[in-house]
Structure formats: structure tokens, C-alpha cells
């Protein structure tokens, strides 16, 4: 369930999504690529995130494809996008 837009950049859009499977509601961020080139960049990002486990770096949950577009499902890192703080 999409709960709201979290941000937008040159490579795509990020939306907050709610996973309520099993009755335990959890919020994640879904990053969706704008095009194939952005999808390739998300693939690289997924590879990097898969090798990092740190409290200040988002955790990769899943790399996926939605309607022919690449997407990354990542753990929610805070209430606002980093760009909102700049």
C-alpha cells in the first residue's frame, strides 16, 4: 500500500509503502527508476547496499521489477528525505 511520495530525483521517485502482511505493519521506501539507464544505476546501488550493514545507511530489503521498471525496496531511514534537510 503506497502511503505517500517521499522524494524525487533525476533517476526516479521514492514512495513510502506499508507492508501489512501477517498483521505487522511496517513502512518501507520504494525507489522506482524513471528509465532503463536509471534502472541500471539502481542495480549498482542495490549491489553496494547489499554489502553494507550500518545504522546510518538504509538497509536493502529487496531489488525488484515493477511494470518493467527497476525498483529498490529499502528500510525506512527517517521521517524526511535527505534533500529536505539541505
Protein backbone atom coordinates (compact mmCIF):
# COMPACT_ATOMS: atom_id res chain seq x y z
CA UNK A 1 0.00 0.00 0.00
CA UNK A 2 1.54 3.34 -1.07
CA UNK A 3 1.18 5.88 1.73
CA UNK A 4 2.84 8.90 0.14
CA UNK A 5 5.57 10.34 -2.02
CA UNK A 6 8.90 10.74 -0.21
CA UNK A 7 11.08 12.32 -2.85
CA UNK A 8 12.05 12.68 -6.48
CA UNK A 9 15.35 12.93 -8.29
CA UNK A 10 16.90 12.64 -11.70
CA UNK A 11 16.85 8.85 -11.63
CA UNK A 12 13.40 8.25 -10.21
CA UNK A 13 10.84 8.65 -7.48
CA UNK A 14 10.67 7.36 -3.92
CA UNK A 15 7.39 6.49 -2.23
CA UNK A 16 6.56 5.28 1.26
CA UNK A 17 4.87 1.88 1.24
CA UNK A 18 3.19 -0.02 4.04
CA UNK A 19 3.61 -3.79 4.35
CA UNK A 20 0.82 -5.23 6.44
CA UNK A 21 1.43 -8.92 5.68
CA UNK A 22 0.97 -11.04 8.76
CA UNK A 23 -0.73 -8.21 10.66
CA UNK A 24 2.58 -6.50 11.48
CA UNK A 25 2.56 -3.09 9.77
CA UNK A 26 5.99 -1.92 8.61
CA UNK A 27 6.84 1.08 6.46
CA UNK A 28 9.48 0.89 3.74
CA UNK A 29 10.68 3.17 0.95
CA UNK A 30 10.27 2.03 -2.65
CA UNK A 31 12.59 3.71 -5.15
CA UNK A 32 11.37 3.36 -8.75
CA UNK A 33 13.60 4.09 -11.75
CA UNK A 34 12.45 6.58 -14.39
CA UNK A 35 14.02 4.70 -17.29
CA UNK A 36 16.41 1.87 -18.19
CA UNK A 37 19.54 3.93 -17.52
CA UNK A 38 18.26 4.81 -14.06
CA UNK A 39 17.37 1.16 -13.55
CA UNK A 40 20.97 0.19 -14.19
CA UNK A 41 22.08 2.75 -11.60
CA UNK A 42 19.61 1.23 -9.11
CA UNK A 43 21.11 -2.19 -9.81
CA UNK A 44 24.54 -0.81 -8.90
CA UNK A 45 23.10 0.85 -5.81
CA UNK A 46 21.50 -2.46 -4.77
CA UNK A 47 24.85 -4.21 -5.11
CA UNK A 48 26.51 -1.63 -2.88
CA UNK A 49 23.73 -1.62 -0.26
CA UNK A 50 23.71 -5.42 -0.12
CA UNK A 51 27.28 -5.31 1.19
CA UNK A 52 26.72 -2.65 3.86
CA UNK A 53 25.27 -3.05 7.31
CA UNK A 54 25.47 0.20 9.28
CA UNK A 55 22.90 2.10 11.39
CA UNK A 56 23.31 5.27 9.29
CA UNK A 57 22.85 3.56 5.92
CA UNK A 58 19.49 2.33 4.64
CA UNK A 59 19.11 -1.44 4.56
CA UNK A 60 18.26 -3.06 1.23
CA UNK A 61 15.20 -5.27 1.62
CA UNK A 62 14.71 -6.32 -1.99
CA UNK A 63 15.62 -5.44 -5.57
CA UNK A 64 12.62 -5.93 -7.84
CA UNK A 65 10.90 -5.11 -11.10
CA UNK A 66 7.51 -3.37 -11.29
CA UNK A 67 5.77 -2.93 -14.62
CA UNK A 68 9.05 -3.18 -16.49
CA UNK A 69 10.86 -0.69 -14.20
CA UNK A 70 13.60 -1.45 -11.69
CA UNK A 71 12.87 -0.78 -8.07
CA UNK A 72 14.56 -0.97 -4.71
CA UNK A 73 12.71 -1.64 -1.50
CA UNK A 74 14.70 -0.23 1.41
CA UNK A 75 14.10 0.09 5.13
CA UNK A 76 12.73 3.44 6.19
CA UNK A 77 15.57 5.69 7.34
CA UNK A 78 13.67 8.61 8.86
CA UNK A 79 10.69 10.90 8.55
CA UNK A 80 12.10 13.05 5.76
CA UNK A 81 14.22 12.68 2.67
CA UNK A 82 17.84 13.89 2.98
CA UNK A 83 17.15 16.62 0.40
CA UNK A 84 14.60 18.16 2.77
CA UNK A 85 17.41 18.88 5.25
CA UNK A 86 19.67 20.61 2.72
